[in-house]
Amino acid sequence: MKRLLFLYVALLSILLSSCGGEGVQLKPSVSGKAGEILIVTTKANWESEPGTLLRDILAADYPLLPQREPSFTLINIPDNAFTNIFQIHRNIIILSVDPQKYPEPKFMIQEDVWSAPQTVITMTAPDAASATKLIEQKRETIFNTFEQSERNRVIRSSKRYEEKPLRSLVADQFGGSPYFPNGYSLKKRTDDFIWISYETTYINQGLFVYKIPVKDSTTMTLEGLVSARNEVLEKNVPGMLEGSYMTTSIVKEKEPQLKWIKYKGREFGELRGLWEVQNDYMGGPFVQHAFYDKSGKNIIVLEGFVYAPRYDKRNYLRQVESIIYSFDWAEDFSR
């Protein structure tokens, strides 16, 4: 009995000591599909101004996809239905309006409340008007919080289930690399271009890493990046038919867009657009990160693209985009 008691105490100590570290995960894994957000609020709130504004923010069109898709899929349930089965959802917004309980508006972000990795935003207000004002004030924070949460889940999985040889290969050639999850494999490699791909019967998620020399001030512009992209892909990404190759699609109201982003100490240009195959009928969305290498003489380009003609593309594009967000310089790998 003493021996059994000792073993029990030892096991309990291990479990307790690991709760706050990287040991045993005591909280259940999250439920729900990628890109879903559970909105917990009354039907009255959901069908009035607070709900309308949340839909305007979170269900707006995902940028530059071939067909319209919402940035997030929203699911509304009333407060009294928010039981254990829903509490483990990956993304949750709790909106409560009550003048007796909440004399002033409040906003709170929490992680891993009922499951992990989970994000919960709680908003309280005395009335619908102040709730709407609070949502408007926190518009960017609300969207960016869930966007980053979805990104972090992919990056976490990529690092945990990583194809390490791919990272080593890319880092040796370019001085840094994203983290590639299991299932991705090398498709093509030249002196200045690497193509890594995950392919199934109907879906292709591809990643390009390449380098272009800085010629002048126009290199890192929308026109310069699109021109360089077309030149690199014509040379390296042939289509299935003779004389066909990947290029950038210029469609009215779907032209490529460039914006500048600062992320974890790095600044890069984010180019979004649609790709197509010259002299063929293939196409889909892409997203690109372009930034200067350590010497400042070249631009490193990380690009993710999706070919999924039978399916919605938001989640597939978000996955490859998250992978290129995971880029680290080689000297930062061990940090």
Protein backbone atom coordinates (compact mmCIF):
# COMPACT_ATOMS: atom_id res chain seq x y z
CA MET A 1 0.00 0.00 0.00
CA LYS A 2 2.81 2.40 0.86
CA ARG A 3 4.43 1.69 -2.48
CA LEU A 4 1.16 2.30 -4.37
CA LEU A 5 0.60 5.52 -2.42
CA PHE A 6 4.12 6.69 -3.27
CA LEU A 7 3.56 6.00 -6.98
CA TYR A 8 0.22 7.87 -6.89
CA VAL A 9 1.77 10.93 -5.23
CA ALA A 10 4.68 10.89 -7.69
CA LEU A 11 2.33 10.71 -10.68
CA LEU A 12 0.13 13.49 -9.30
CA SER A 13 3.19 15.69 -8.78
CA ILE A 14 4.27 15.18 -12.39
CA LEU A 15 0.81 16.06 -13.68
CA LEU A 16 0.54 19.18 -11.55
CA SER A 17 4.02 20.39 -12.42
CA SER A 18 3.30 20.04 -16.14
CA CYS A 19 0.07 22.04 -16.17
CA GLY A 20 1.80 25.37 -16.77
CA GLY A 21 4.58 24.09 -19.03
CA GLU A 22 4.89 22.05 -22.16
CA GLY A 23 4.00 18.74 -20.54
CA VAL A 24 0.64 17.06 -20.22
CA GLN A 25 -2.21 19.08 -21.75
CA LEU A 26 -5.11 18.85 -19.30
CA LYS A 27 -7.56 20.88 -21.38
CA PRO A 28 -9.37 19.21 -24.28
CA SER A 29 -8.47 20.03 -27.85
CA VAL A 30 -10.63 22.61 -29.56
CA SER A 31 -13.64 21.70 -31.69
CA GLY A 32 -15.01 23.36 -34.78
CA LYS A 33 -13.73 23.79 -38.32
CA ALA A 34 -10.94 26.14 -39.38
CA GLY A 35 -12.27 29.65 -39.89
CA GLU A 36 -15.37 29.20 -37.71
CA ILE A 37 -16.33 31.64 -34.96
CA LEU A 38 -19.05 30.89 -32.43
CA ILE A 39 -21.06 34.02 -31.48
CA VAL A 40 -22.79 33.60 -28.13
CA THR A 41 -25.50 36.21 -27.78
CA THR A 42 -29.28 36.58 -27.79
CA LYS A 43 -31.32 36.48 -30.97
CA ALA A 44 -32.24 40.13 -30.36
CA ASN A 45 -28.57 41.17 -30.29
CA TRP A 46 -27.69 39.02 -33.28
CA GLU A 47 -30.49 40.42 -35.44
CA SER A 48 -29.96 44.06 -34.46
CA GLU A 49 -27.04 46.49 -34.81
CA PRO A 50 -24.42 44.58 -32.72
CA GLY A 51 -24.90 41.40 -34.75
CA THR A 52 -25.04 43.27 -38.05
CA LEU A 53 -21.73 44.96 -37.28
CA LEU A 54 -20.06 41.69 -36.25
CA ARG A 55 -21.15 40.16 -39.55
CA ASP A 56 -19.84 43.19 -41.42
CA ILE A 57 -16.43 42.79 -39.76
CA LEU A 58 -15.96 39.03 -39.67
CA ALA A 59 -18.02 37.76 -42.60
CA ALA A 60 -16.68 40.29 -45.11
CA ASP A 61 -15.31 38.77 -48.31
CA TYR A 62 -11.94 37.08 -47.96
CA PRO A 63 -9.62 39.09 -50.22
CA LEU A 64 -8.93 38.06 -53.80
CA LEU A 65 -10.43 34.63 -54.16
CA PRO A 66 -11.90 33.44 -57.47
CA GLN A 67 -15.37 33.23 -55.90
CA ARG A 68 -16.82 35.08 -52.92
CA GLU A 69 -16.14 33.47 -49.54
CA PRO A 70 -16.50 35.04 -46.08
CA SER A 71 -13.36 35.72 -44.05
CA PHE A 72 -14.91 33.69 -41.23
CA THR A 73 -17.90 31.40 -40.93
CA LEU A 74 -20.13 32.69 -38.11
CA ILE A 75 -22.38 30.50 -35.97
CA ASN A 76 -24.81 32.13 -33.52
CA ILE A 77 -26.19 30.41 -30.45
CA PRO A 78 -28.13 31.97 -27.54
CA ASP A 79 -26.61 32.23 -24.07
CA ASN A 80 -28.70 29.39 -22.64
CA ALA A 81 -27.40 26.99 -25.28
CA PHE A 82 -23.76 27.68 -24.45
CA THR A 83 -23.08 24.36 -22.76
CA ASN A 84 -19.98 22.16 -22.49
CA ILE A 85 -20.24 20.93 -26.05
CA PHE A 86 -19.90 24.51 -27.39
CA GLN A 87 -17.45 25.82 -24.80
CA ILE A 88 -14.55 23.92 -26.39
CA HIS A 89 -14.97 25.66 -29.77
CA ARG A 90 -11.77 27.09 -31.26
CA ASN A 91 -13.00 30.72 -31.61
CA ILE A 92 -15.69 32.27 -29.41
CA ILE A 93 -17.25 35.71 -29.01
CA ILE A 94 -19.49 36.21 -25.98
CA LEU A 95 -21.61 39.33 -26.25
CA SER A 96 -23.78 40.16 -23.23
CA VAL A 97 -26.06 43.19 -22.90
CA ASP A 98 -27.65 43.97 -19.53
CA PRO A 99 -27.96 47.40 -17.82
CA GLN A 100 -28.10 45.84 -14.35
CA LYS A 101 -25.03 43.58 -14.67
CA TYR A 102 -22.87 45.74 -16.92
CA PRO A 103 -23.05 49.47 -16.16
CA GLU A 104 -20.25 50.26 -18.63
CA PRO A 105 -18.85 48.57 -21.76
CA LYS A 106 -15.94 46.16 -21.32
CA PHE A 107 -13.78 44.15 -23.72
CA MET A 108 -11.57 41.18 -22.89
CA ILE A 109 -9.45 38.68 -24.83
CA GLN A 110 -8.61 35.31 -23.26
CA GLU A 111 -6.72 32.26 -24.43
CA ASP A 112 -7.41 28.60 -23.66
CA VAL A 113 -10.37 29.17 -21.35
CA TRP A 114 -12.15 25.81 -21.86
CA SER A 115 -9.91 24.12 -24.45
CA ALA A 116 -6.63 24.63 -26.27
CA PRO A 117 -5.57 26.33 -28.45
CA GLN A 118 -8.65 28.52 -27.99
CA THR A 119 -9.40 32.25 -28.33
CA VAL A 120 -12.33 33.86 -26.51
CA ILE A 121 -13.40 37.50 -26.81
CA THR A 122 -15.92 38.68 -24.22
CA MET A 123 -17.81 41.95 -24.64
CA THR A 124 -20.31 43.33 -22.15
CA ALA A 125 -22.39 46.50 -22.32
CA PRO A 126 -25.48 48.06 -20.72
CA ASP A 127 -27.40 48.43 -24.00
CA ALA A 128 -27.27 47.63 -27.70
CA ALA A 129 -26.08 51.10 -28.68
CA SER A 130 -23.03 50.99 -26.40
CA ALA A 131 -22.34 47.39 -27.48
CA THR A 132 -22.33 48.49 -31.11
CA LYS A 133 -20.00 51.39 -30.31
CA LEU A 134 -17.63 49.03 -28.47
CA ILE A 135 -17.56 46.61 -31.41
CA GLU A 136 -16.82 49.47 -33.81
CA GLN A 137 -13.99 50.73 -31.59
CA LYS A 138 -12.46 47.25 -31.45
CA ARG A 139 -13.14 46.39 -35.08
CA GLU A 140 -9.52 45.77 -36.11
CA THR A 141 -8.63 44.07 -32.84
CA ILE A 142 -11.52 41.61 -33.18
CA PHE A 143 -10.64 40.66 -36.75
CA ASN A 144 -6.88 40.51 -36.25
CA THR A 145 -7.20 38.45 -33.06
CA PHE A 146 -9.03 35.62 -34.80
CA GLU A 147 -6.92 35.89 -37.95
CA GLN A 148 -3.78 35.50 -35.85
CA SER A 149 -5.33 32.65 -33.85
CA GLU A 150 -6.04 30.68 -37.02
CA ARG A 151 -2.52 31.43 -38.25
CA ASN A 152 -0.92 30.38 -34.96
CA ARG A 153 -2.68 27.01 -35.03
CA VAL A 154 -1.22 26.21 -38.44
CA ILE A 155 2.25 27.41 -37.45
CA ARG A 156 2.13 25.41 -34.22
CA SER A 157 1.17 22.29 -36.13
CA SER A 158 3.81 22.95 -38.79
CA LYS A 159 6.53 23.12 -36.15
CA ARG A 160 5.27 20.12 -34.22
CA TYR A 161 4.87 17.88 -37.27
CA GLU A 162 7.62 19.27 -39.43
CA GLU A 163 9.43 18.03 -42.51
CA LYS A 164 12.78 19.25 -41.15
CA PRO A 165 14.87 18.39 -44.24
CA LEU A 166 12.82 20.89 -46.25
CA ARG A 167 13.57 23.71 -43.82
CA SER A 168 17.28 22.86 -43.89
CA LEU A 169 17.29 22.78 -47.68
CA VAL A 170 15.60 26.18 -48.01
CA ALA A 171 17.70 27.78 -45.25
CA ASP A 172 20.96 26.61 -46.84
CA GLN A 173 20.00 28.32 -50.06
CA PHE A 174 18.25 31.48 -48.82
CA GLY A 175 19.50 32.05 -45.26
CA GLY A 176 16.14 31.28 -43.67
CA SER A 177 13.01 29.23 -44.17
CA PRO A 178 9.39 28.65 -43.20
CA TYR A 179 8.41 25.49 -41.31
CA PHE A 180 6.82 22.89 -43.60
CA PRO A 181 4.36 20.37 -42.11
CA ASN A 182 4.30 16.67 -42.83
CA GLY A 183 3.06 15.80 -46.29
CA TYR A 184 4.90 18.57 -48.13
CA SER A 185 7.69 17.49 -50.47
CA LEU A 186 10.26 19.01 -52.79
CA LYS A 187 8.98 19.35 -56.35
CA LYS A 188 11.71 21.44 -57.98
CA ARG A 189 15.00 23.11 -57.07
CA THR A 190 17.33 25.38 -59.05
CA ASP A 191 20.05 27.83 -57.99
CA ASP A 192 17.52 30.55 -57.16
CA PHE A 193 14.14 28.80 -57.00
CA ILE A 194 12.56 26.11 -54.80
CA TRP A 195 9.09 24.63 -55.24
CA ILE A 196 7.58 22.65 -52.35
CA SER A 197 4.14 21.08 -52.70
CA TYR A 198 1.36 19.19 -50.96
CA GLU A 199 -0.83 17.40 -53.47
CA THR A 200 -3.90 15.17 -53.30
CA THR A 201 -6.21 13.97 -56.06
CA TYR A 202 -8.15 17.23 -56.26
CA ILE A 203 -6.11 19.77 -54.26
CA ASN A 204 -2.67 21.31 -54.75
CA GLN A 205 -1.15 23.60 -52.14
CA GLY A 206 2.17 24.89 -53.40
CA LEU A 207 4.94 27.02 -51.93
CA PHE A 208 7.61 28.88 -53.91
CA VAL A 209 10.79 30.35 -52.47
CA TYR A 210 12.91 32.41 -54.83
CA LYS A 211 15.27 35.35 -54.99
CA ILE A 212 15.25 38.36 -57.31
CA PRO A 213 18.01 41.01 -57.56
CA VAL A 214 17.24 44.58 -56.56
CA LYS A 215 17.57 46.57 -59.77
CA ASP A 216 16.25 49.98 -58.70
CA SER A 217 13.51 51.62 -56.65
CA THR A 218 10.79 50.02 -58.78
CA THR A 219 11.74 46.43 -57.86
CA MET A 220 9.74 46.46 -54.63
CA THR A 221 6.57 47.96 -56.12
CA LEU A 222 3.35 46.30 -57.23
CA GLU A 223 4.39 46.47 -60.88
CA GLY A 224 7.94 45.34 -60.14
CA LEU A 225 6.93 42.33 -58.05
CA VAL A 226 4.26 41.19 -60.52
CA SER A 227 6.72 41.52 -63.42
CA ALA A 228 9.42 39.58 -61.56
CA ARG A 229 6.88 36.94 -60.53
CA ASN A 230 5.76 36.38 -64.11
CA GLU A 231 9.34 36.10 -65.30
CA VAL A 232 10.32 33.59 -62.59
CA LEU A 233 7.20 31.43 -62.96
CA GLU A 234 7.33 31.31 -66.77
CA LYS A 235 10.83 29.90 -66.40
CA ASN A 236 10.16 27.47 -63.55
CA VAL A 237 6.47 26.46 -63.43
CA PRO A 238 5.33 24.89 -66.71
CA GLY A 239 1.75 23.83 -67.31
CA MET A 240 0.55 20.47 -68.55
CA LEU A 241 0.25 21.59 -72.18
CA GLU A 242 3.05 22.55 -74.53
CA GLY A 243 3.88 26.24 -74.19
CA SER A 244 1.81 26.70 -71.01
CA TYR A 245 3.12 28.16 -67.75
CA MET A 246 1.92 29.84 -64.55
CA THR A 247 1.47 33.60 -64.61
CA THR A 248 -0.44 36.36 -62.83
CA SER A 249 -4.08 36.84 -63.75
CA ILE A 250 -5.17 40.42 -64.39
CA VAL A 251 -8.96 40.39 -64.10
CA LYS A 252 -11.10 43.48 -63.71
CA GLU A 253 -11.88 44.09 -60.02
CA LYS A 254 -9.51 41.23 -59.15
CA GLU A 255 -6.19 42.93 -59.88
CA PRO A 256 -3.23 42.07 -57.61
CA GLN A 257 -2.92 44.15 -54.46
CA LEU A 258 0.20 45.07 -52.47
CA LYS A 259 0.35 46.24 -48.87
CA TRP A 260 3.12 46.53 -46.28
CA ILE A 261 3.09 44.48 -43.11
CA LYS A 262 5.21 44.46 -39.95
CA TYR A 263 5.25 41.09 -38.21
CA LYS A 264 7.54 39.92 -35.41
CA GLY A 265 10.32 42.32 -36.25
CA ARG A 266 10.15 41.83 -40.02
CA GLU A 267 8.69 44.13 -42.64
CA PHE A 268 7.54 42.74 -45.96
CA GLY A 269 5.31 43.44 -48.90
CA GLU A 270 2.22 41.24 -49.09
CA LEU A 271 1.12 40.66 -52.68
CA ARG A 272 -2.26 39.00 -53.21
CA GLY A 273 -3.86 38.03 -56.44
CA LEU A 274 -5.03 35.31 -58.77
CA TRP A 275 -2.82 33.05 -60.86
CA GLU A 276 -3.62 31.32 -64.11
CA VAL A 277 -1.88 29.03 -66.58
CA GLN A 278 -1.12 30.67 -69.89
CA ASN A 279 -2.69 28.68 -72.74
CA ASP A 280 -4.67 26.50 -70.32
CA TYR A 281 -7.68 26.79 -68.00
CA MET A 282 -6.13 26.26 -64.57
CA GLY A 283 -6.11 28.99 -61.93
CA GLY A 284 -6.59 29.97 -58.30
CA PRO A 285 -5.48 32.39 -55.57
CA PHE A 286 -1.98 33.17 -54.32
CA VAL A 287 -0.36 35.24 -51.57
CA GLN A 288 3.24 36.39 -51.53
CA HIS A 289 5.63 37.87 -48.97
CA ALA A 290 8.58 39.83 -50.40
CA PHE A 291 11.41 41.24 -48.26
CA TYR A 292 15.08 42.19 -48.51
CA ASP A 293 17.74 39.61 -47.68
CA LYS A 294 20.47 40.36 -45.16
CA SER A 295 22.69 41.96 -47.79
CA GLY A 296 19.94 44.24 -49.10
CA LYS A 297 20.98 43.36 -52.65
CA ASN A 298 18.23 40.79 -53.25
CA ILE A 299 14.57 40.29 -52.47
CA ILE A 300 13.46 36.97 -51.05
CA VAL A 301 9.98 35.91 -52.12
CA LEU A 302 7.83 33.41 -50.25
CA GLU A 303 4.65 32.48 -52.04
CA GLY A 304 1.76 30.15 -51.37
CA PHE A 305 -0.83 29.19 -53.96
CA VAL A 306 -3.87 26.92 -54.11
CA TYR A 307 -5.43 24.86 -56.87
CA ALA A 308 -8.73 23.37 -55.69
CA PRO A 309 -11.30 23.63 -58.50
CA ARG A 310 -13.92 21.53 -56.67
CA TYR A 311 -13.73 23.26 -53.30
CA ASP A 312 -13.86 26.56 -51.45
CA LYS A 313 -10.36 27.94 -51.19
CA ARG A 314 -10.29 30.20 -48.12
CA ASN A 315 -9.02 27.63 -45.64
CA TYR A 316 -6.49 26.13 -48.06
CA LEU A 317 -5.05 29.57 -48.84
CA ARG A 318 -5.00 30.51 -45.16
CA GLN A 319 -2.96 27.36 -44.48
CA VAL A 320 -0.22 28.12 -47.01
CA GLU A 321 -0.24 31.78 -45.97
CA SER A 322 0.30 30.74 -42.36
CA ILE A 323 3.25 28.59 -43.43
CA ILE A 324 5.02 31.52 -45.10
CA TYR A 325 4.29 33.60 -41.97
CA SER A 326 6.37 31.05 -40.03
CA PHE A 327 9.60 32.15 -41.78
CA ASP A 328 12.66 32.52 -39.55
CA TRP A 329 16.21 33.49 -40.41
CA ALA A 330 18.54 30.52 -39.87
CA GLU A 331 20.19 32.13 -36.84
CA ASP A 332 16.79 32.34 -35.13
CA PHE A 333 15.83 28.67 -35.56
CA SER A 334 16.93 27.66 -32.07
CA ARG A 335 15.26 30.57 -30.30
